Amino acid sequence: MVAISKVIGVLSSGCLLCLGLSNAASADNMKAGEPQRNSGHVVQPEMTMQKQELHVIQGDVLRVEGTNYVVKGLDGREVSLHTDNTTVRNGNVKPGDRVEAKINEQNHALSILQVP
């Protein structure tokens, strides 16, 4: 006769395996682009975020005008970069500093970092 502890162990293992497989199936569905289901309601993934193209600019800061930095790029062009409190900085950027900035299509600086 089989011990009761072995029967309970096999049943517990089976339940855990089923729970793990259901999570894996949910993950596969999400990868396939199917909407997430939450307690019977279908939750559509947000499509409002548009993919923005990022550019990297290196150059020298010519002047600071409020929250805008005017940078002369290595190609000789002057670019005005808008910053705000979401812009990542490494120190106090001032005229004469060489910087590398990651900007979006609207010339908003996501980061402006001093480089040696």
PDB file of N, CA and C in Angstrom:
ATOM      1  N   MET A   1       0.834  -1.182   0.000  1.00  0.00           N
ATOM      2  CA  MET A   1       0.000   0.000   0.000  1.00  0.00           C
ATOM      3  C   MET A   1       0.882   1.249   0.000  1.00  0.00           C
ATOM      4  N   VAL A   2       0.435   2.277  -0.713  1.00  0.00           N
ATOM      5  CA  VAL A   2       1.202   3.511  -0.884  1.00  0.00           C
ATOM      6  C   VAL A   2       0.991   4.397   0.338  1.00  0.00           C
ATOM      7  N   ALA A   3       2.078   4.979   0.815  1.00  0.00           N
ATOM      8  CA  ALA A   3       1.985   5.862   1.977  1.00  0.00           C
ATOM      9  C   ALA A   3       1.243   7.136   1.604  1.00  0.00           C
ATOM     10  N   ILE A   4       0.475   7.624   2.552  1.00  0.00           N
ATOM     11  CA  ILE A   4      -0.343   8.826   2.312  1.00  0.00           C
ATOM     12  C   ILE A   4       0.519  10.038   2.024  1.00  0.00           C
ATOM     13  N   SER A   5       1.723  10.115   2.585  1.00  0.00           N
ATOM     14  CA  SER A   5       2.600  11.264   2.346  1.00  0.00           C
ATOM     15  C   SER A   5       3.065  11.301   0.893  1.00  0.00           C
ATOM     16  N   LYS A   6       3.274  10.112   0.271  1.00  0.00           N
ATOM     17  CA  LYS A   6       3.657  10.076  -1.138  1.00  0.00           C
ATOM     18  C   LYS A   6       2.512  10.541  -2.027  1.00  0.00           C
ATOM     19  N   VAL A   7       1.289  10.154  -1.708  1.00  0.00           N
ATOM     20  CA  VAL A   7       0.121  10.576  -2.487  1.00  0.00           C
ATOM     21  C   VAL A   7      -0.044  12.086  -2.403  1.00  0.00           C
ATOM     22  N   ILE A   8       0.088  12.638  -1.216  1.00  0.00           N
ATOM     23  CA  ILE A   8      -0.033  14.095  -1.028  1.00  0.00           C
ATOM     24  C   ILE A   8       1.097  14.805  -1.770  1.00  0.00           C
ATOM     25  N   GLY A   9       2.289  14.251  -1.733  1.00  0.00           N
ATOM     26  CA  GLY A   9       3.424  14.848  -2.439  1.00  0.00           C
ATOM     27  C   GLY A   9       3.206  14.878  -3.940  1.00  0.00           C
ATOM     28  N   VAL A  10       2.703  13.782  -4.515  1.00  0.00           N
ATOM     29  CA  VAL A  10       2.453  13.721  -5.956  1.00  0.00           C
ATOM     30  C   VAL A  10       1.356  14.703  -6.343  1.00  0.00           C
ATOM     31  N   LEU A  11       0.278  14.779  -5.567  1.00  0.00           N
ATOM     32  CA  LEU A  11      -0.813  15.713  -5.865  1.00  0.00           C
ATOM     33  C   LEU A  11      -0.344  17.165  -5.750  1.00  0.00           C
ATOM     34  N   SER A  12       0.459  17.475  -4.746  1.00  0.00           N
ATOM     35  CA  SER A  12       0.973  18.839  -4.579  1.00  0.00           C
ATOM     36  C   SER A  12       1.863  19.221  -5.748  1.00  0.00           C
ATOM     37  N   SER A  13       2.734  18.301  -6.154  1.00  0.00           N
ATOM     38  CA  SER A  13       3.619  18.562  -7.285  1.00  0.00           C
ATOM     39  C   SER A  13       2.810  18.805  -8.563  1.00  0.00           C
ATOM     40  N   GLY A  14       1.772  18.023  -8.751  1.00  0.00           N
ATOM     41  CA  GLY A  14       0.913  18.196  -9.928  1.00  0.00           C
ATOM     42  C   GLY A  14       0.238  19.552  -9.947  1.00  0.00           C
ATOM     43  N   CYS A  15      -0.244  20.002  -8.783  1.00  0.00           N
ATOM     44  CA  CYS A  15      -0.889  21.321  -8.707  1.00  0.00           C
ATOM     45  C   CYS A  15       0.109  22.435  -9.008  1.00  0.00           C
ATOM     46  N   LEU A  16       1.313  22.351  -8.446  1.00  0.00           N
ATOM     47  CA  LEU A  16       2.330  23.367  -8.698  1.00  0.00           C
ATOM     48  C   LEU A  16       2.736  23.393 -10.164  1.00  0.00           C
ATOM     49  N   LEU A  17       2.843  22.229 -10.784  1.00  0.00           N
ATOM     50  CA  LEU A  17       3.188  22.149 -12.190  1.00  0.00           C
ATOM     51  C   LEU A  17       2.113  22.815 -13.043  1.00  0.00           C
ATOM     52  N   CYS A  18       0.851  22.563 -12.738  1.00  0.00           N
ATOM     53  CA  CYS A  18      -0.240  23.179 -13.493  1.00  0.00           C
ATOM     54  C   CYS A  18      -0.224  24.697 -13.353  1.00  0.00           C
ATOM     55  N   LEU A  19       0.042  25.200 -12.139  1.00  0.00           N
ATOM     56  CA  LEU A  19       0.109  26.642 -11.935  1.00  0.00           C
ATOM     57  C   LEU A  19       1.254  27.248 -12.738  1.00  0.00           C
ATOM     58  N   GLY A  20       2.389  26.591 -12.752  1.00  0.00           N
ATOM     59  CA  GLY A  20       3.540  27.083 -13.505  1.00  0.00           C
ATOM     60  C   GLY A  20       3.279  27.091 -14.999  1.00  0.00           C
ATOM     61  N   LEU A  21       2.618  26.073 -15.507  1.00  0.00           N
ATOM     62  CA  LEU A  21       2.316  26.014 -16.932  1.00  0.00           C
ATOM     63  C   LEU A  21       1.309  27.076 -17.339  1.00  0.00           C
ATOM     64  N   SER A  22       0.358  27.395 -16.455  1.00  0.00           N
ATOM     65  CA  SER A  22      -0.622  28.423 -16.814  1.00  0.00           C
ATOM     66  C   SER A  22       0.054  29.788 -16.908  1.00  0.00           C
ATOM     67  N   ASN A  23       1.039  30.076 -16.037  1.00  0.00           N
ATOM     68  CA  ASN A  23       1.775  31.335 -16.132  1.00  0.00           C
ATOM     69  C   ASN A  23       2.615  31.379 -17.403  1.00  0.00           C
ATOM     70  N   ALA A  24       3.208  30.261 -17.776  1.00  0.00           N
ATOM     71  CA  ALA A  24       4.005  30.215 -19.001  1.00  0.00           C
ATOM     72  C   ALA A  24       3.121  30.435 -20.218  1.00  0.00           C
ATOM     73  N   ALA A  25       1.910  29.868 -20.207  1.00  0.00           N
ATOM     74  CA  ALA A  25       0.990  30.058 -21.326  1.00  0.00           C
ATOM     75  C   ALA A  25       0.550  31.519 -21.416  1.00  0.00           C
ATOM     76  N   SER A  26       0.344  32.161 -20.275  1.00  0.00           N
ATOM     77  CA  SER A  26      -0.022  33.579 -20.278  1.00  0.00           C
ATOM     78  C   SER A  26       1.099  34.417 -20.857  1.00  0.00           C
ATOM     79  N   ALA A  27       2.331  34.095 -20.508  1.00  0.00           N
ATOM     80  CA  ALA A  27       3.474  34.836 -21.029  1.00  0.00           C
ATOM     81  C   ALA A  27       3.587  34.660 -22.540  1.00  0.00           C
ATOM     82  N   ASP A  28       3.362  33.450 -23.034  1.00  0.00           N
ATOM     83  CA  ASP A  28       3.401  33.226 -24.480  1.00  0.00           C
ATOM     84  C   ASP A  28       2.317  34.022 -25.191  1.00  0.00           C
ATOM     85  N   ASN A  29       1.134  34.102 -24.602  1.00  0.00           N
ATOM     86  CA  ASN A  29       0.050  34.868 -25.211  1.00  0.00           C
ATOM     87  C   ASN A  29       0.398  36.344 -25.275  1.00  0.00           C
ATOM     88  N   MET A  30       1.026  36.873 -24.219  1.00  0.00           N
ATOM     89  CA  MET A  30       1.397  38.285 -24.207  1.00  0.00           C
ATOM     90  C   MET A  30       2.478  38.555 -25.248  1.00  0.00           C
ATOM     91  N   LYS A  31       3.407  37.618 -25.438  1.00  0.00           N
ATOM     92  CA  LYS A  31       4.445  37.793 -26.451  1.00  0.00           C
ATOM     93  C   LYS A  31       3.827  37.797 -27.843  1.00  0.00           C
ATOM     94  N   ALA A  32       2.776  37.019 -28.026  1.00  0.00           N
ATOM     95  CA  ALA A  32       2.146  36.925 -29.338  1.00  0.00           C
ATOM     96  C   ALA A  32       1.284  38.135 -29.651  1.00  0.00           C
ATOM     97  N   GLY A  33       1.176  39.081 -28.720  1.00  0.00           N
ATOM     98  CA  GLY A  33       0.428  40.300 -28.976  1.00  0.00           C
ATOM     99  C   GLY A  33      -1.035  40.221 -28.594  1.00  0.00           C
ATOM    100  N   GLU A  34      -1.425  39.158 -27.910  1.00  0.00           N
ATOM    101  CA  GLU A  34      -2.805  39.057 -27.482  1.00  0.00           C
ATOM    102  C   GLU A  34      -3.036  39.976 -26.295  1.00  0.00           C
ATOM    103  N   PRO A  35      -4.230  40.566 -26.172  1.00  0.00           N
ATOM    104  CA  PRO A  35      -4.491  41.455 -25.048  1.00  0.00           C
ATOM    105  C   PRO A  35      -4.490  40.703 -23.727  1.00  0.00           C
ATOM    106  N   GLN A  36      -4.122  41.422 -22.675  1.00  0.00           N
ATOM    107  CA  GLN A  36      -4.088  40.840 -21.328  1.00  0.00           C
ATOM    108  C   GLN A  36      -5.513  40.709 -20.810  1.00  0.00           C
ATOM    109  N   ARG A  37      -5.796  39.583 -20.169  1.00  0.00           N
ATOM    110  CA  ARG A  37      -7.116  39.379 -19.588  1.00  0.00           C
ATOM    111  C   ARG A  37      -7.002  39.567 -18.087  1.00  0.00           C
ATOM    112  N   ASN A  38      -7.898  40.360 -17.540  1.00  0.00           N
ATOM    113  CA  ASN A  38      -7.854  40.663 -16.119  1.00  0.00           C
ATOM    114  C   ASN A  38      -9.253  40.473 -15.558  1.00  0.00           C
ATOM    115  N   SER A  39      -9.475  39.415 -14.838  1.00  0.00           N
ATOM    116  CA  SER A  39     -10.763  39.074 -14.215  1.00  0.00           C
ATOM    117  C   SER A  39     -11.928  39.191 -15.196  1.00  0.00           C
ATOM    118  N   GLY A  40     -11.768  38.594 -16.376  1.00  0.00           N
ATOM    119  CA  GLY A  40     -12.861  38.557 -17.338  1.00  0.00           C
ATOM    120  C   GLY A  40     -12.917  39.757 -18.265  1.00  0.00           C
ATOM    121  N   HIS A  41     -12.208  40.823 -17.955  1.00  0.00           N
ATOM    122  CA  HIS A  41     -12.205  42.016 -18.799  1.00  0.00           C
ATOM    123  C   HIS A  41     -10.957  42.001 -19.677  1.00  0.00           C
ATOM    124  N   VAL A  42     -11.116  42.436 -20.891  1.00  0.00           N
ATOM    125  CA  VAL A  42      -9.980  42.490 -21.800  1.00  0.00           C
ATOM    126  C   VAL A  42      -9.321  43.851 -21.656  1.00  0.00           C
ATOM    127  N   VAL A  43      -8.029  43.854 -21.388  1.00  0.00           N
ATOM    128  CA  VAL A  43      -7.262  45.083 -21.252  1.00  0.00           C
ATOM    129  C   VAL A  43      -6.395  45.209 -22.499  1.00  0.00           C
ATOM    130  N   GLN A  44      -6.651  46.225 -23.305  1.00  0.00           N
ATOM    131  CA  GLN A  44      -5.873  46.441 -24.517  1.00  0.00           C
ATOM    132  C   GLN A  44      -4.546  47.098 -24.162  1.00  0.00           C
ATOM    133  N   PRO A  45      -3.467  46.694 -24.780  1.00  0.00           N
ATOM    134  CA  PRO A  45      -2.194  47.360 -24.531  1.00  0.00           C
ATOM    135  C   PRO A  45      -2.242  48.783 -25.068  1.00  0.00           C
ATOM    136  N   GLU A  46      -1.539  49.693 -24.382  1.00  0.00           N
ATOM    137  CA  GLU A  46      -1.559  51.083 -24.797  1.00  0.00           C
ATOM    138  C   GLU A  46      -0.773  51.253 -26.080  1.00  0.00           C
ATOM    139  N   MET A  47      -1.379  51.932 -27.032  1.00  0.00           N
ATOM    140  CA  MET A  47      -0.726  52.199 -28.298  1.00  0.00           C
ATOM    141  C   MET A  47      -0.494  53.688 -28.484  1.00  0.00           C
ATOM    142  N   THR A  48      -0.636  54.479 -27.405  1.00  0.00           N
ATOM    143  CA  THR A  48      -0.501  55.918 -27.533  1.00  0.00           C
ATOM    144  C   THR A  48       0.954  56.349 -27.598  1.00  0.00           C
ATOM    145  N   MET A  49       1.865  55.536 -27.073  1.00  0.00           N
ATOM    146  CA  MET A  49       3.284  55.883 -27.112  1.00  0.00           C
ATOM    147  C   MET A  49       3.799  55.690 -28.531  1.00  0.00           C
ATOM    148  N   GLN A  50       4.346  56.743 -29.089  1.00  0.00           N
ATOM    149  CA  GLN A  50       4.936  56.636 -30.407  1.00  0.00           C
ATOM    150  C   GLN A  50       6.435  56.461 -30.246  1.00  0.00           C
ATOM    151  N   LYS A  51       7.009  55.706 -31.127  1.00  0.00           N
ATOM    152  CA  LYS A  51       8.439  55.483 -31.077  1.00  0.00           C
ATOM    153  C   LYS A  51       9.134  56.763 -31.520  1.00  0.00           C
ATOM    154  N   GLN A  52       9.944  57.314 -30.636  1.00  0.00           N
ATOM    155  CA  GLN A  52      10.657  58.536 -30.961  1.00  0.00           C
ATOM    156  C   GLN A  52      12.086  58.202 -31.331  1.00  0.00           C
ATOM    157  N   GLU A  53      12.578  58.900 -32.326  1.00  0.00           N
ATOM    158  CA  GLU A  53      13.948  58.706 -32.757  1.00  0.00           C
ATOM    159  C   GLU A  53      14.864  59.577 -31.916  1.00  0.00           C
ATOM    160  N   LEU A  54      15.908  58.975 -31.386  1.00  0.00           N
ATOM    161  CA  LEU A  54      16.865  59.700 -30.560  1.00  0.00           C
ATOM    162  C   LEU A  54      18.124  59.986 -31.356  1.00  0.00           C
ATOM    163  N   HIS A  55      18.722  61.144 -31.082  1.00  0.00           N
ATOM    164  CA  HIS A  55      19.966  61.539 -31.722  1.00  0.00           C
ATOM    165  C   HIS A  55      20.980  61.849 -30.632  1.00  0.00           C
ATOM    166  N   VAL A  56      22.241  61.666 -30.945  1.00  0.00           N
ATOM    167  CA  VAL A  56      23.319  62.008 -30.029  1.00  0.00           C
ATOM    168  C   VAL A  56      24.108  63.149 -30.653  1.00  0.00           C
ATOM    169  N   ILE A  57      24.305  64.205 -29.874  1.00  0.00           N
ATOM    170  CA  ILE A  57      25.066  65.369 -30.329  1.00  0.00           C
ATOM    171  C   ILE A  57      26.246  65.557 -29.408  1.00  0.00           C
ATOM    172  N   GLN A  58      27.415  65.779 -29.986  1.00  0.00           N
ATOM    173  CA  GLN A  58      28.594  66.146 -29.217  1.00  0.00           C
ATOM    174  C   GLN A  58      29.040  67.520 -29.678  1.00  0.00           C
ATOM    175  N   GLY A  59      29.451  68.339 -28.717  1.00  0.00           N
ATOM    176  CA  GLY A  59      29.923  69.663 -29.076  1.00  0.00           C
ATOM    177  C   GLY A  59      30.211  70.498 -27.854  1.00  0.00           C
ATOM    178  N   ASP A  60      30.446  71.793 -28.107  1.00  0.00           N
ATOM    179  CA  ASP A  60      30.787  72.730 -27.045  1.00  0.00           C
ATOM    180  C   ASP A  60      29.597  73.631 -26.743  1.00  0.00           C
ATOM    181  N   VAL A  61      29.358  73.864 -25.453  1.00  0.00           N
ATOM    182  CA  VAL A  61      28.271  74.763 -25.041  1.00  0.00           C
ATOM    183  C   VAL A  61      28.727  76.194 -25.315  1.00  0.00           C
ATOM    184  N   LEU A  62      27.956  76.913 -26.145  1.00  0.00           N
ATOM    185  CA  LEU A  62      28.263  78.306 -26.442  1.00  0.00           C
ATOM    186  C   LEU A  62      27.651  79.233 -25.409  1.00  0.00           C
ATOM    187  N   ARG A  63      26.379  78.974 -25.075  1.00  0.00           N
ATOM    188  CA  ARG A  63      25.696  79.807 -24.083  1.00  0.00           C
ATOM    189  C   ARG A  63      24.510  79.050 -23.500  1.00  0.00           C
ATOM    190  N   VAL A  64      24.075  79.529 -22.339  1.00  0.00           N
ATOM    191  CA  VAL A  64      22.912  78.968 -21.659  1.00  0.00           C
ATOM    192  C   VAL A  64      21.877  80.073 -21.577  1.00  0.00           C
ATOM    193  N   GLU A  65      20.689  79.823 -22.129  1.00  0.00           N
ATOM    194  CA  GLU A  65      19.596  80.798 -22.141  1.00  0.00           C
ATOM    195  C   GLU A  65      18.412  80.205 -21.377  1.00  0.00           C
ATOM    196  N   GLY A  66      18.380  80.419 -20.084  1.00  0.00           N
ATOM    197  CA  GLY A  66      17.312  79.833 -19.258  1.00  0.00           C
ATOM    198  C   GLY A  66      17.459  78.329 -19.201  1.00  0.00           C
ATOM    199  N   THR A  67      16.475  77.616 -19.751  1.00  0.00           N
ATOM    200  CA  THR A  67      16.530  76.148 -19.771  1.00  0.00           C
ATOM    201  C   THR A  67      17.052  75.617 -21.092  1.00  0.00           C
ATOM    202  N   ASN A  68      17.490  76.509 -21.989  1.00  0.00           N
ATOM    203  CA  ASN A  68      18.022  76.094 -23.288  1.00  0.00           C
ATOM    204  C   ASN A  68      19.538  76.218 -23.307  1.00  0.00           C
ATOM    205  N   TYR A  69      20.175  75.213 -23.891  1.00  0.00           N
ATOM    206  CA  TYR A  69      21.621  75.210 -24.067  1.00  0.00           C
ATOM    207  C   TYR A  69      21.898  75.308 -25.559  1.00  0.00           C
ATOM    208  N   VAL A  70      22.709  76.266 -25.955  1.00  0.00           N
ATOM    209  CA  VAL A  70      23.108  76.383 -27.355  1.00  0.00           C
ATOM    210  C   VAL A  70      24.456  75.691 -27.487  1.00  0.00           C
ATOM    211  N   VAL A  71      24.471  74.636 -28.318  1.00  0.00           N
ATOM    212  CA  VAL A  71      25.652  73.798 -28.474  1.00  0.00           C
ATOM    213  C   VAL A  71      26.119  73.874 -29.924  1.00  0.00           C
ATOM    214  N   LYS A  72      27.414  74.074 -30.111  1.00  0.00           N
ATOM    215  CA  LYS A  72      28.007  74.018 -31.443  1.00  0.00           C
ATOM    216  C   LYS A  72      28.536  72.605 -31.622  1.00  0.00           C
ATOM    217  N   GLY A  73      27.895  71.865 -32.526  1.00  0.00           N
ATOM    218  CA  GLY A  73      28.254  70.478 -32.758  1.00  0.00           C
ATOM    219  C   GLY A  73      29.591  70.338 -33.435  1.00  0.00           C
ATOM    220  N   LEU A  74      30.099  69.116 -33.473  1.00  0.00           N
ATOM    221  CA  LEU A  74      31.381  68.843 -34.109  1.00  0.00           C
ATOM    222  C   LEU A  74      31.337  69.137 -35.602  1.00  0.00           C
ATOM    223  N   ASP A  75      30.113  69.160 -36.180  1.00  0.00           N
ATOM    224  CA  ASP A  75      29.967  69.475 -37.602  1.00  0.00           C
ATOM    225  C   ASP A  75      29.889  70.985 -37.853  1.00  0.00           C
ATOM    226  N   GLY A  76      29.961  71.795 -36.778  1.00  0.00           N
ATOM    227  CA  GLY A  76      29.952  73.246 -36.914  1.00  0.00           C
ATOM    228  C   GLY A  76      28.585  73.902 -36.800  1.00  0.00           C
ATOM    229  N   ARG A  77      27.511  73.095 -36.751  1.00  0.00           N
ATOM    230  CA  ARG A  77      26.161  73.664 -36.647  1.00  0.00           C
ATOM    231  C   ARG A  77      25.818  73.967 -35.194  1.00  0.00           C
ATOM    232  N   GLU A  78      25.071  75.063 -34.998  1.00  0.00           N
ATOM    233  CA  GLU A  78      24.580  75.412 -33.669  1.00  0.00           C
ATOM    234  C   GLU A  78      23.197  74.818 -33.478  1.00  0.00           C
ATOM    235  N   VAL A  79      22.994  74.208 -32.314  1.00  0.00           N
ATOM    236  CA  VAL A  79      21.716  73.580 -31.991  1.00  0.00           C
ATOM    237  C   VAL A  79      21.284  74.067 -30.619  1.00  0.00           C
ATOM    238  N   SER A  80      20.004  74.445 -30.492  1.00  0.00           N
ATOM    239  CA  SER A  80      19.444  74.844 -29.207  1.00  0.00           C
ATOM    240  C   SER A  80      18.753  73.633 -28.590  1.00  0.00           C
ATOM    241  N   LEU A  81      19.204  73.245 -27.405  1.00  0.00           N
ATOM    242  CA  LEU A  81      18.660  72.067 -26.721  1.00  0.00           C
ATOM    243  C   LEU A  81      17.828  72.518 -25.535  1.00  0.00           C
ATOM    244  N   HIS A  82      16.580  72.075 -25.507  1.00  0.00           N
ATOM    245  CA  HIS A  82      15.692  72.399 -24.384  1.00  0.00           C
ATOM    246  C   HIS A  82      15.889  71.362 -23.289  1.00  0.00           C
ATOM    247  N   THR A  83      15.991  71.826 -22.040  1.00  0.00           N
ATOM    248  CA  THR A  83      16.096  70.922 -20.893  1.00  0.00           C
ATOM    249  C   THR A  83      14.986  71.234 -19.906  1.00  0.00           C
ATOM    250  N   ASP A  84      14.698  70.284 -19.048  1.00  0.00           N
ATOM    251  CA  ASP A  84      13.766  70.491 -17.933  1.00  0.00           C
ATOM    252  C   ASP A  84      14.223  69.610 -16.780  1.00  0.00           C
ATOM    253  N   ASN A  85      13.357  69.447 -15.783  1.00  0.00           N
ATOM    254  CA  ASN A  85      13.773  68.666 -14.603  1.00  0.00           C
ATOM    255  C   ASN A  85      13.868  67.165 -14.874  1.00  0.00           C
ATOM    256  N   THR A  86      13.451  66.709 -16.057  1.00  0.00           N
ATOM    257  CA  THR A  86      13.593  65.291 -16.393  1.00  0.00           C
ATOM    258  C   THR A  86      14.907  65.004 -17.111  1.00  0.00           C
ATOM    259  N   THR A  87      15.638  66.044 -17.505  1.00  0.00           N
ATOM    260  CA  THR A  87      16.904  65.874 -18.213  1.00  0.00           C
ATOM    261  C   THR A  87      17.983  65.395 -17.240  1.00  0.00           C
ATOM    262  N   VAL A  88      18.679  64.334 -17.612  1.00  0.00           N
ATOM    263  CA  VAL A  88      19.759  63.790 -16.787  1.00  0.00           C
ATOM    264  C   VAL A  88      21.014  64.616 -17.049  1.00  0.00           C
ATOM    265  N   ARG A  89      21.668  65.047 -15.962  1.00  0.00           N
ATOM    266  CA  ARG A  89      22.894  65.848 -16.063  1.00  0.00           C
ATOM    267  C   ARG A  89      23.955  65.245 -15.147  1.00  0.00           C
ATOM    268  N   ASN A  90      25.222  65.474 -15.463  1.00  0.00           N
ATOM    269  CA  ASN A  90      26.298  65.064 -14.561  1.00  0.00           C
ATOM    270  C   ASN A  90      27.117  66.299 -14.197  1.00  0.00           C
ATOM    271  N   GLY A  91      26.601  67.098 -13.344  1.00  0.00           N
ATOM    272  CA  GLY A  91      27.295  68.307 -12.924  1.00  0.00           C
ATOM    273  C   GLY A  91      26.627  69.552 -13.475  1.00  0.00           C
ATOM    274  N   ASN A  92      27.281  70.676 -13.250  1.00  0.00           N
ATOM    275  CA  ASN A  92      26.755  71.964 -13.680  1.00  0.00           C
ATOM    276  C   ASN A  92      27.355  72.300 -15.041  1.00  0.00           C
ATOM    277  N   VAL A  93      26.574  72.139 -16.106  1.00  0.00           N
ATOM    278  CA  VAL A  93      27.049  72.399 -17.459  1.00  0.00           C
ATOM    279  C   VAL A  93      27.032  73.905 -17.692  1.00  0.00           C
ATOM    280  N   LYS A  94      28.156  74.434 -18.165  1.00  0.00           N
ATOM    281  CA  LYS A  94      28.276  75.884 -18.382  1.00  0.00           C
ATOM    282  C   LYS A  94      28.956  76.136 -19.724  1.00  0.00           C
ATOM    283  N   PRO A  95      28.910  77.376 -20.216  1.00  0.00           N
ATOM    284  CA  PRO A  95      29.555  77.689 -21.493  1.00  0.00           C
ATOM    285  C   PRO A  95      31.031  77.298 -21.482  1.00  0.00           C
ATOM    286  N   GLY A  96      31.462  76.728 -22.599  1.00  0.00           N
ATOM    287  CA  GLY A  96      32.836  76.268 -22.734  1.00  0.00           C
ATOM    288  C   GLY A  96      32.997  74.782 -22.482  1.00  0.00           C
ATOM    289  N   ASP A  97      32.018  74.152 -21.851  1.00  0.00           N
ATOM    290  CA  ASP A  97      32.098  72.714 -21.569  1.00  0.00           C
ATOM    291  C   ASP A  97      31.829  71.910 -22.833  1.00  0.00           C
ATOM    292  N   ARG A  98      32.543  70.810 -22.991  1.00  0.00           N
ATOM    293  CA  ARG A  98      32.258  69.846 -24.055  1.00  0.00           C
ATOM    294  C   ARG A  98      31.215  68.885 -23.511  1.00  0.00           C
ATOM    295  N   VAL A  99      30.123  68.667 -24.277  1.00  0.00           N
ATOM    296  CA  VAL A  99      29.025  67.833 -23.803  1.00  0.00           C
ATOM    297  C   VAL A  99      28.648  66.798 -24.861  1.00  0.00           C
ATOM    298  N   GLU A 100      27.959  65.780 -24.384  1.00  0.00           N
ATOM    299  CA  GLU A 100      27.299  64.807 -25.243  1.00  0.00           C
ATOM    300  C   GLU A 100      25.851  64.789 -24.795  1.00  0.00           C
ATOM    301  N   ALA A 101      24.930  65.028 -25.726  1.00  0.00           N
ATOM    302  CA  ALA A 101      23.513  65.108 -25.383  1.00  0.00           C
ATOM    303  C   ALA A 101      22.718  64.116 -26.215  1.00  0.00           C
ATOM    304  N   LYS A 102      21.784  63.453 -25.560  1.00  0.00           N
ATOM    305  CA  LYS A 102      20.819  62.600 -26.264  1.00  0.00           C
ATOM    306  C   LYS A 102      19.544  63.409 -26.367  1.00  0.00           C
ATOM    307  N   ILE A 103      19.077  63.619 -27.601  1.00  0.00           N
ATOM    308  CA  ILE A 103      17.905  64.475 -27.821  1.00  0.00           C
ATOM    309  C   ILE A 103      16.876  63.738 -28.659  1.00  0.00           C
ATOM    310  N   ASN A 104      15.613  64.185 -28.515  1.00  0.00           N
ATOM    311  CA  ASN A 104      14.561  63.626 -29.345  1.00  0.00           C
ATOM    312  C   ASN A 104      14.357  64.520 -30.568  1.00  0.00           C
ATOM    313  N   GLU A 105      13.321  64.242 -31.342  1.00  0.00           N
ATOM    314  CA  GLU A 105      13.085  64.971 -32.585  1.00  0.00           C
ATOM    315  C   GLU A 105      12.722  66.436 -32.365  1.00  0.00           C
ATOM    316  N   GLN A 106      12.270  66.782 -31.164  1.00  0.00           N
ATOM    317  CA  GLN A 106      11.908  68.167 -30.852  1.00  0.00           C
ATOM    318  C   GLN A 106      13.060  68.917 -30.180  1.00  0.00           C
ATOM    319  N   ASN A 107      14.266  68.381 -30.221  1.00  0.00           N
ATOM    320  CA  ASN A 107      15.461  68.954 -29.592  1.00  0.00           C
ATOM    321  C   ASN A 107      15.334  69.056 -28.074  1.00  0.00           C
ATOM    322  N   HIS A 108      14.535  68.195 -27.476  1.00  0.00           N
ATOM    323  CA  HIS A 108      14.472  68.112 -26.022  1.00  0.00           C
ATOM    324  C   HIS A 108      15.578  67.170 -25.566  1.00  0.00           C
ATOM    325  N   ALA A 109      16.428  67.649 -24.669  1.00  0.00           N
ATOM    326  CA  ALA A 109      17.554  66.848 -24.188  1.00  0.00           C
ATOM    327  C   ALA A 109      17.083  65.872 -23.121  1.00  0.00           C
ATOM    328  N   LEU A 110      17.231  64.578 -23.405  1.00  0.00           N
ATOM    329  CA  LEU A 110      16.944  63.556 -22.401  1.00  0.00           C
ATOM    330  C   LEU A 110      18.107  63.443 -21.429  1.00  0.00           C
ATOM    331  N   SER A 111      19.316  63.678 -21.950  1.00  0.00           N
ATOM    332  CA  SER A 111      20.499  63.750 -21.086  1.00  0.00           C
ATOM    333  C   SER A 111      21.478  64.728 -21.708  1.00  0.00           C
ATOM    334  N   ILE A 112      22.213  65.404 -20.856  1.00  0.00           N
ATOM    335  CA  ILE A 112      23.281  66.295 -21.294  1.00  0.00           C
ATOM    336  C   ILE A 112      24.432  66.101 -20.318  1.00  0.00           C
ATOM    337  N   LEU A 113      25.493  65.468 -20.817  1.00  0.00           N
ATOM    338  CA  LEU A 113      26.584  65.034 -19.948  1.00  0.00           C
ATOM    339  C   LEU A 113      27.893  65.679 -20.386  1.00  0.00           C
ATOM    340  N   GLN A 114      28.668  66.142 -19.411  1.00  0.00           N
ATOM    341  CA  GLN A 114      29.985  66.694 -19.689  1.00  0.00           C
ATOM    342  C   GLN A 114      30.913  65.544 -20.085  1.00  0.00           C
ATOM    343  N   VAL A 115      31.726  65.785 -21.112  1.00  0.00           N
ATOM    344  CA  VAL A 115      32.713  64.796 -21.514  1.00  0.00           C
ATOM    345  C   VAL A 115      34.086  65.453 -21.489  1.00  0.00           C
ATOM    346  N   PRO A 116      35.124  64.681 -21.190  1.00  0.00           N
ATOM    347  CA  PRO A 116      36.477  65.270 -21.121  1.00  0.00           C
ATOM    348  C   PRO A 116      37.010  65.644 -22.497  1.00  0.00           C
TER     349      PRO A 116
END
